[in-house]
Amino acid sequence: MENTDIRHSDMENLLPFWSSLSDSEKELINENSRLYSFKAKDNIHGGIGDCTGIILVRSGRLRTYIFSSEGKEITINRLSPGDVCILSASCILHNISFDIRLDAEKDSEIYIIRPNAFDQLKKSNIHVSNFINAVMNERFSDSMWIIEQILFMSFDKRLAIFLLDQSVAEKSDTLHFTHDEIARHLGSAREVVSRMLKYFENEDMVSLSRGSITLADKKKLRDLTI
């Protein structure tokens, strides 16, 4: 993992409030930010007690997930270029503590802004504070959507939604996931995923091969999600 000097133009693109900052506030971010490179599957944020900082995704893709004491994982959301992770700096979020973890799903470049510097901006600039509130509301909605799926949706529907969402994200009908990886994303067991994918294959909705899944009939999959 190596870092490089910050690039001013990136901050203009990644922080919507950049134009509302004073020169001294911009300099504060410049002095307290670094660009890091991570390989796919590298851990970026290790969970509770780890206050990494504000993460801005420049390239690649990150996965935000929770990890239970029983060893189960469930994906909360994914972060693509232009996205921001606030929960990786939970130490500056009063009365909010999330035990999330953050991994690189693909080779990625991210900026990390030190939490103390961002906290200083949050307290002095209303545009920064409003930005944090907006991101937190969006992440809360993501979390509620995941909870709703777990509590109220059948697994075939959840799996169909996952496959269709990944097809859009990858811009491809062929997805390169193992059954174990899908199980971790959905907080389920590999055996459950394998049985349901086999059922999908028998119904001609997908075609299975080692390490990949091809969506053969998206209409049938979409019908499951209704």
C-alpha atoms as a PDB file:
ATOM      1  CA  MET A   1       0.000   0.000   0.000  1.00  0.00           C
ATOM      2  CA  GLU A   2       1.542   3.277  -1.061  1.00  0.00           C
ATOM      3  CA  ASN A   3       0.421   6.855  -0.982  1.00  0.00           C
ATOM      4  CA  THR A   4       0.911   9.771  -3.344  1.00  0.00           C
ATOM      5  CA  ASP A   5       0.375  13.494  -3.189  1.00  0.00           C
ATOM      6  CA  ILE A   6      -3.204  14.659  -3.197  1.00  0.00           C
ATOM      7  CA  ARG A   7      -4.688  15.942  -6.417  1.00  0.00           C
ATOM      8  CA  HIS A   8      -6.693  19.139  -6.162  1.00  0.00           C
ATOM      9  CA  SER A   9      -8.979  18.313  -9.099  1.00  0.00           C
ATOM     10  CA  ASP A  10     -10.009  15.029  -7.488  1.00  0.00           C
ATOM     11  CA  MET A  11     -11.293  16.845  -4.420  1.00  0.00           C
ATOM     12  CA  GLU A  12     -13.392  19.124  -6.611  1.00  0.00           C
ATOM     13  CA  ASN A  13     -15.004  16.033  -8.154  1.00  0.00           C
ATOM     14  CA  LEU A  14     -15.333  13.941  -4.982  1.00  0.00           C
ATOM     15  CA  LEU A  15     -16.502  16.544  -2.454  1.00  0.00           C
ATOM     16  CA  PRO A  16     -19.669  18.392  -3.512  1.00  0.00           C
ATOM     17  CA  PHE A  17     -19.050  21.097  -0.902  1.00  0.00           C
ATOM     18  CA  TRP A  18     -15.506  21.848  -2.129  1.00  0.00           C
ATOM     19  CA  SER A  19     -16.469  25.178  -3.735  1.00  0.00           C
ATOM     20  CA  SER A  20     -18.022  26.273  -0.431  1.00  0.00           C
ATOM     21  CA  LEU A  21     -14.757  25.892   1.481  1.00  0.00           C
ATOM     22  CA  SER A  22     -12.426  28.741   2.245  1.00  0.00           C
ATOM     23  CA  ASP A  23      -8.828  28.575   1.074  1.00  0.00           C
ATOM     24  CA  SER A  24      -7.710  27.654   4.589  1.00  0.00           C
ATOM     25  CA  GLU A  25     -10.315  24.885   4.800  1.00  0.00           C
ATOM     26  CA  LYS A  26      -9.187  23.474   1.454  1.00  0.00           C
ATOM     27  CA  GLU A  27      -5.619  23.552   2.687  1.00  0.00           C
ATOM     28  CA  LEU A  28      -6.688  21.702   5.843  1.00  0.00           C
ATOM     29  CA  ILE A  29      -8.044  18.863   3.678  1.00  0.00           C
ATOM     30  CA  ASN A  30      -4.960  18.896   1.458  1.00  0.00           C
ATOM     31  CA  GLU A  31      -2.652  18.589   4.458  1.00  0.00           C
ATOM     32  CA  ASN A  32      -4.682  15.790   6.051  1.00  0.00           C
ATOM     33  CA  SER A  33      -5.479  13.629   3.016  1.00  0.00           C
ATOM     34  CA  ARG A  34      -3.560  10.920   1.239  1.00  0.00           C
ATOM     35  CA  LEU A  35      -4.198   8.772  -1.811  1.00  0.00           C
ATOM     36  CA  TYR A  36      -3.837   5.027  -1.205  1.00  0.00           C
ATOM     37  CA  SER A  37      -3.874   2.004  -3.518  1.00  0.00           C
ATOM     38  CA  PHE A  38      -5.410  -1.306  -2.442  1.00  0.00           C
ATOM     39  CA  LYS A  39      -5.520  -4.671  -4.155  1.00  0.00           C
ATOM     40  CA  ALA A  40      -8.738  -6.660  -4.484  1.00  0.00           C
ATOM     41  CA  LYS A  41      -9.664  -8.356  -1.163  1.00  0.00           C
ATOM     42  CA  ASP A  42      -7.440  -6.041   0.910  1.00  0.00           C
ATOM     43  CA  ASN A  43      -9.025  -4.931   4.171  1.00  0.00           C
ATOM     44  CA  ILE A  44      -9.282  -1.135   4.481  1.00  0.00           C
ATOM     45  CA  HIS A  45     -11.283  -0.632   7.672  1.00  0.00           C
ATOM     46  CA  GLY A  46     -11.279  -3.234  10.412  1.00  0.00           C
ATOM     47  CA  GLY A  47     -14.448  -2.562  12.380  1.00  0.00           C
ATOM     48  CA  ILE A  48     -15.286  -1.076  15.759  1.00  0.00           C
ATOM     49  CA  GLY A  49     -12.409   0.723  17.444  1.00  0.00           C
ATOM     50  CA  ASP A  50     -10.864   1.454  14.053  1.00  0.00           C
ATOM     51  CA  CYS A  51     -11.283   5.133  13.112  1.00  0.00           C
ATOM     52  CA  THR A  52      -9.709   5.135   9.672  1.00  0.00           C
ATOM     53  CA  GLY A  53     -11.079   8.459   8.443  1.00  0.00           C
ATOM     54  CA  ILE A  54     -13.362   9.709   5.685  1.00  0.00           C
ATOM     55  CA  ILE A  55     -12.925   7.546   2.602  1.00  0.00           C
ATOM     56  CA  LEU A  56     -13.400   8.885  -0.930  1.00  0.00           C
ATOM     57  CA  VAL A  57     -13.384   6.346  -3.759  1.00  0.00           C
ATOM     58  CA  ARG A  58     -11.331   7.499  -6.725  1.00  0.00           C
ATOM     59  CA  SER A  59     -11.374   4.212  -8.662  1.00  0.00           C
ATOM     60  CA  GLY A  60     -12.303   0.561  -8.175  1.00  0.00           C
ATOM     61  CA  ARG A  61     -15.013  -0.684  -5.845  1.00  0.00           C
ATOM     62  CA  LEU A  62     -15.289  -1.226  -2.098  1.00  0.00           C
ATOM     63  CA  ARG A  63     -17.583  -3.458  -0.069  1.00  0.00           C
ATOM     64  CA  THR A  64     -19.072  -2.373   3.250  1.00  0.00           C
ATOM     65  CA  TYR A  65     -20.251  -5.239   5.436  1.00  0.00           C
ATOM     66  CA  ILE A  66     -20.939  -6.372   8.987  1.00  0.00           C
ATOM     67  CA  PHE A  67     -19.393  -9.435  10.588  1.00  0.00           C
ATOM     68  CA  SER A  68     -21.194 -11.393  13.318  1.00  0.00           C
ATOM     69  CA  SER A  69     -19.617 -13.222  16.252  1.00  0.00           C
ATOM     70  CA  GLU A  70     -20.729 -16.472  14.563  1.00  0.00           C
ATOM     71  CA  GLY A  71     -18.622 -15.617  11.532  1.00  0.00           C
ATOM     72  CA  LYS A  72     -21.446 -14.615   9.175  1.00  0.00           C
ATOM     73  CA  GLU A  73     -21.052 -11.649   6.858  1.00  0.00           C
ATOM     74  CA  ILE A  74     -23.672  -9.529   5.140  1.00  0.00           C
ATOM     75  CA  THR A  75     -23.057  -6.767   2.645  1.00  0.00           C
ATOM     76  CA  ILE A  76     -24.534  -3.375   3.523  1.00  0.00           C
ATOM     77  CA  ASN A  77     -23.529  -1.562   0.351  1.00  0.00           C
ATOM     78  CA  ARG A  78     -20.855  -1.140  -2.264  1.00  0.00           C
ATOM     79  CA  LEU A  79     -18.949   2.024  -2.962  1.00  0.00           C
ATOM     80  CA  SER A  80     -18.074   2.990  -6.525  1.00  0.00           C
ATOM     81  CA  PRO A  81     -15.950   5.862  -7.858  1.00  0.00           C
ATOM     82  CA  GLY A  82     -17.318   9.136  -6.497  1.00  0.00           C
ATOM     83  CA  ASP A  83     -18.824   7.532  -3.386  1.00  0.00           C
ATOM     84  CA  VAL A  84     -17.920   8.500   0.173  1.00  0.00           C
ATOM     85  CA  CYS A  85     -17.747   6.383   3.344  1.00  0.00           C
ATOM     86  CA  ILE A  86     -18.461   8.272   6.561  1.00  0.00           C
ATOM     87  CA  LEU A  87     -18.870   5.263   8.868  1.00  0.00           C
ATOM     88  CA  SER A  88     -15.148   4.529   8.614  1.00  0.00           C
ATOM     89  CA  ALA A  89     -14.720   7.646  10.785  1.00  0.00           C
ATOM     90  CA  SER A  90     -17.339   6.754  13.403  1.00  0.00           C
ATOM     91  CA  CYS A  91     -15.209   8.340  16.133  1.00  0.00           C
ATOM     92  CA  ILE A  92     -16.375  11.774  14.934  1.00  0.00           C
ATOM     93  CA  LEU A  93     -20.046  10.754  14.752  1.00  0.00           C
ATOM     94  CA  HIS A  94     -21.469  11.419  18.177  1.00  0.00           C
ATOM     95  CA  ASN A  95     -23.795   8.742  19.600  1.00  0.00           C
ATOM     96  CA  ILE A  96     -23.329   6.605  16.490  1.00  0.00           C
ATOM     97  CA  SER A  97     -21.227   3.452  16.520  1.00  0.00           C
ATOM     98  CA  PHE A  98     -21.280   0.971  13.653  1.00  0.00           C
ATOM     99  CA  ASP A  99     -19.129  -2.120  13.631  1.00  0.00           C
ATOM    100  CA  ILE A 100     -18.660  -2.124   9.863  1.00  0.00           C
ATOM    101  CA  ARG A 101     -15.783  -3.481   7.845  1.00  0.00           C
ATOM    102  CA  LEU A 102     -14.567  -2.276   4.506  1.00  0.00           C
ATOM    103  CA  ASP A 103     -12.711  -4.311   1.868  1.00  0.00           C
ATOM    104  CA  ALA A 104     -11.580  -3.583  -1.664  1.00  0.00           C
ATOM    105  CA  GLU A 105     -13.638  -5.699  -4.063  1.00  0.00           C
ATOM    106  CA  LYS A 106     -11.475  -4.614  -6.984  1.00  0.00           C
ATOM    107  CA  ASP A 107      -8.080  -2.950  -7.220  1.00  0.00           C
ATOM    108  CA  SER A 108      -8.927   0.506  -5.910  1.00  0.00           C
ATOM    109  CA  GLU A 109      -7.579   3.973  -5.274  1.00  0.00           C
ATOM    110  CA  ILE A 110      -9.045   5.869  -2.355  1.00  0.00           C
ATOM    111  CA  TYR A 111      -8.429   9.113  -0.545  1.00  0.00           C
ATOM    112  CA  ILE A 112      -8.489   8.989   3.231  1.00  0.00           C
ATOM    113  CA  ILE A 113      -9.071  12.242   5.113  1.00  0.00           C
ATOM    114  CA  ARG A 114      -7.930  12.143   8.728  1.00  0.00           C
ATOM    115  CA  PRO A 115     -10.963  12.133  11.056  1.00  0.00           C
ATOM    116  CA  ASN A 116      -9.843  14.999  13.300  1.00  0.00           C
ATOM    117  CA  ALA A 117      -9.426  17.358  10.344  1.00  0.00           C
ATOM    118  CA  PHE A 118     -12.835  16.451   8.937  1.00  0.00           C
ATOM    119  CA  ASP A 119     -14.397  16.841  12.380  1.00  0.00           C
ATOM    120  CA  GLN A 120     -12.964  20.349  12.544  1.00  0.00           C
ATOM    121  CA  LEU A 121     -14.574  21.177   9.196  1.00  0.00           C
ATOM    122  CA  LYS A 122     -17.874  19.628  10.249  1.00  0.00           C
ATOM    123  CA  LYS A 123     -18.057  21.914  13.282  1.00  0.00           C
ATOM    124  CA  SER A 124     -17.143  25.100  11.427  1.00  0.00           C
ATOM    125  CA  ASN A 125     -18.780  24.749   8.002  1.00  0.00           C
ATOM    126  CA  ILE A 126     -22.519  24.128   7.601  1.00  0.00           C
ATOM    127  CA  HIS A 127     -22.023  22.746   4.077  1.00  0.00           C
ATOM    128  CA  VAL A 128     -19.785  19.980   5.413  1.00  0.00           C
ATOM    129  CA  SER A 129     -22.238  19.219   8.214  1.00  0.00           C
ATOM    130  CA  ASN A 130     -25.131  19.015   5.749  1.00  0.00           C
ATOM    131  CA  PHE A 131     -23.097  16.724   3.527  1.00  0.00           C
ATOM    132  CA  ILE A 132     -22.427  14.322   6.408  1.00  0.00           C
ATOM    133  CA  ASN A 133     -26.135  14.275   7.310  1.00  0.00           C
ATOM    134  CA  ALA A 134     -27.099  13.533   3.705  1.00  0.00           C
ATOM    135  CA  VAL A 135     -24.605  10.660   3.416  1.00  0.00           C
ATOM    136  CA  MET A 136     -25.689   9.235   6.772  1.00  0.00           C
ATOM    137  CA  ASN A 137     -29.347   9.322   5.703  1.00  0.00           C
ATOM    138  CA  GLU A 138     -28.468   7.498   2.497  1.00  0.00           C
ATOM    139  CA  ARG A 139     -26.499   4.821   4.356  1.00  0.00           C
ATOM    140  CA  PHE A 140     -29.325   4.425   6.881  1.00  0.00           C
ATOM    141  CA  SER A 141     -31.729   3.808   3.994  1.00  0.00           C
ATOM    142  CA  ASP A 142     -29.321   1.201   2.582  1.00  0.00           C
ATOM    143  CA  SER A 143     -29.205  -0.549   5.960  1.00  0.00           C
ATOM    144  CA  MET A 144     -32.983  -0.523   6.355  1.00  0.00           C
ATOM    145  CA  TRP A 145     -33.353  -2.016   2.877  1.00  0.00           C
ATOM    146  CA  ILE A 146     -31.018  -4.864   3.842  1.00  0.00           C
ATOM    147  CA  ILE A 147     -32.927  -5.461   7.103  1.00  0.00           C
ATOM    148  CA  GLU A 148     -36.223  -5.482   5.207  1.00  0.00           C
ATOM    149  CA  GLN A 149     -34.885  -8.103   2.814  1.00  0.00           C
ATOM    150  CA  ILE A 150     -33.641 -10.331   5.629  1.00  0.00           C
ATOM    151  CA  LEU A 151     -36.834 -10.109   7.671  1.00  0.00           C
ATOM    152  CA  PHE A 152     -39.544 -10.084   5.045  1.00  0.00           C
ATOM    153  CA  MET A 153     -38.245 -11.487   1.755  1.00  0.00           C
ATOM    154  CA  SER A 154     -37.911 -15.100   0.746  1.00  0.00           C
ATOM    155  CA  PHE A 155     -34.386 -16.157  -0.162  1.00  0.00           C
ATOM    156  CA  ASP A 156     -35.185 -16.774  -3.833  1.00  0.00           C
ATOM    157  CA  LYS A 157     -36.292 -13.149  -4.118  1.00  0.00           C
ATOM    158  CA  ARG A 158     -33.197 -11.852  -2.323  1.00  0.00           C
ATOM    159  CA  LEU A 159     -30.917 -13.926  -4.539  1.00  0.00           C
ATOM    160  CA  ALA A 160     -32.678 -12.764  -7.711  1.00  0.00           C
ATOM    161  CA  ILE A 161     -32.305  -9.122  -6.619  1.00  0.00           C
ATOM    162  CA  PHE A 162     -28.613  -9.697  -5.902  1.00  0.00           C
ATOM    163  CA  LEU A 163     -27.944 -11.265  -9.305  1.00  0.00           C
ATOM    164  CA  LEU A 164     -29.818  -8.550 -11.192  1.00  0.00           C
ATOM    165  CA  ASP A 165     -28.116  -5.758  -9.238  1.00  0.00           C
ATOM    166  CA  GLN A 166     -24.687  -7.256  -9.902  1.00  0.00           C
ATOM    167  CA  SER A 167     -25.467  -7.604 -13.586  1.00  0.00           C
ATOM    168  CA  VAL A 168     -26.199  -3.868 -13.731  1.00  0.00           C
ATOM    169  CA  ALA A 169     -23.089  -3.002 -11.709  1.00  0.00           C
ATOM    170  CA  GLU A 170     -20.818  -5.175 -13.859  1.00  0.00           C
ATOM    171  CA  LYS A 171     -22.618  -4.328 -17.123  1.00  0.00           C
ATOM    172  CA  SER A 172     -22.551  -8.011 -17.935  1.00  0.00           C
ATOM    173  CA  ASP A 173     -24.871 -11.015 -17.796  1.00  0.00           C
ATOM    174  CA  THR A 174     -21.973 -13.202 -16.637  1.00  0.00           C
ATOM    175  CA  LEU A 175     -21.016 -12.759 -12.988  1.00  0.00           C
ATOM    176  CA  HIS A 176     -17.825 -14.098 -11.467  1.00  0.00           C
ATOM    177  CA  PHE A 177     -18.835 -15.107  -7.954  1.00  0.00           C
ATOM    178  CA  THR A 178     -18.394 -18.340  -6.054  1.00  0.00           C
ATOM    179  CA  HIS A 179     -21.349 -19.658  -4.065  1.00  0.00           C
ATOM    180  CA  ASP A 180     -19.437 -18.942  -0.887  1.00  0.00           C
ATOM    181  CA  GLU A 181     -18.926 -15.290  -1.885  1.00  0.00           C
ATOM    182  CA  ILE A 182     -22.640 -14.859  -2.570  1.00  0.00           C
ATOM    183  CA  ALA A 183     -23.441 -16.442   0.785  1.00  0.00           C
ATOM    184  CA  ARG A 184     -21.217 -13.894   2.533  1.00  0.00           C
ATOM    185  CA  HIS A 185     -22.865 -11.022   0.695  1.00  0.00           C
ATOM    186  CA  LEU A 186     -26.341 -12.213   1.667  1.00  0.00           C
ATOM    187  CA  GLY A 187     -25.594 -13.448   5.177  1.00  0.00           C
ATOM    188  CA  SER A 188     -26.600 -17.001   4.328  1.00  0.00           C
ATOM    189  CA  ALA A 189     -24.998 -20.451   4.073  1.00  0.00           C
ATOM    190  CA  ARG A 190     -23.197 -21.662   0.978  1.00  0.00           C
ATOM    191  CA  GLU A 191     -25.407 -24.749   0.831  1.00  0.00           C
ATOM    192  CA  VAL A 192     -28.549 -22.581   0.715  1.00  0.00           C
ATOM    193  CA  VAL A 193     -27.100 -20.495  -2.118  1.00  0.00           C
ATOM    194  CA  SER A 194     -26.060 -23.607  -4.064  1.00  0.00           C
ATOM    195  CA  ARG A 195     -29.511 -25.186  -3.754  1.00  0.00           C
ATOM    196  CA  MET A 196     -31.277 -22.021  -4.890  1.00  0.00           C
ATOM    197  CA  LEU A 197     -28.915 -21.463  -7.814  1.00  0.00           C
ATOM    198  CA  LYS A 198     -29.476 -25.066  -8.875  1.00  0.00           C
ATOM    199  CA  TYR A 199     -33.211 -24.424  -8.779  1.00  0.00           C
ATOM    200  CA  PHE A 200     -32.700 -21.261 -10.883  1.00  0.00           C
ATOM    201  CA  GLU A 201     -30.671 -23.334 -13.354  1.00  0.00           C
ATOM    202  CA  ASN A 202     -33.365 -26.020 -13.553  1.00  0.00           C
ATOM    203  CA  GLU A 203     -35.890 -23.259 -14.326  1.00  0.00           C
ATOM    204  CA  ASP A 204     -33.585 -21.939 -17.094  1.00  0.00           C
ATOM    205  CA  MET A 205     -33.052 -18.610 -15.315  1.00  0.00           C
ATOM    206  CA  VAL A 206     -29.284 -18.992 -14.983  1.00  0.00           C
ATOM    207  CA  SER A 207     -26.471 -21.093 -16.342  1.00  0.00           C
ATOM    208  CA  LEU A 208     -23.839 -22.250 -13.853  1.00  0.00           C
ATOM    209  CA  SER A 209     -20.166 -22.963 -14.409  1.00  0.00           C
ATOM    210  CA  ARG A 210     -17.169 -23.063 -12.114  1.00  0.00           C
ATOM    211  CA  GLY A 211     -16.684 -19.601 -10.598  1.00  0.00           C
ATOM    212  CA  SER A 212     -19.303 -17.895 -12.754  1.00  0.00           C
ATOM    213  CA  ILE A 213     -23.058 -17.483 -13.185  1.00  0.00           C
ATOM    214  CA  THR A 214     -24.697 -16.387 -16.436  1.00  0.00           C
ATOM    215  CA  LEU A 215     -28.126 -14.805 -16.288  1.00  0.00           C
ATOM    216  CA  ALA A 216     -30.029 -16.692 -18.981  1.00  0.00           C
ATOM    217  CA  ASP A 217     -33.531 -15.259 -18.469  1.00  0.00           C
ATOM    218  CA  LYS A 218     -33.645 -11.883 -16.741  1.00  0.00           C
ATOM    219  CA  LYS A 219     -37.406 -11.624 -17.138  1.00  0.00           C
ATOM    220  CA  LYS A 220     -37.963 -14.730 -15.029  1.00  0.00           C
ATOM    221  CA  LEU A 221     -35.567 -13.379 -12.413  1.00  0.00           C
ATOM    222  CA  ARG A 222     -37.330 -10.011 -12.369  1.00  0.00           C
ATOM    223  CA  ASP A 223     -40.683 -11.762 -11.978  1.00  0.00           C
ATOM    224  CA  LEU A 224     -39.351 -13.331  -8.775  1.00  0.00           C
ATOM    225  CA  THR A 225     -38.647  -9.892  -7.321  1.00  0.00           C
ATOM    226  CA  ILE A 226     -42.204  -8.592  -7.728  1.00  0.00           C
END
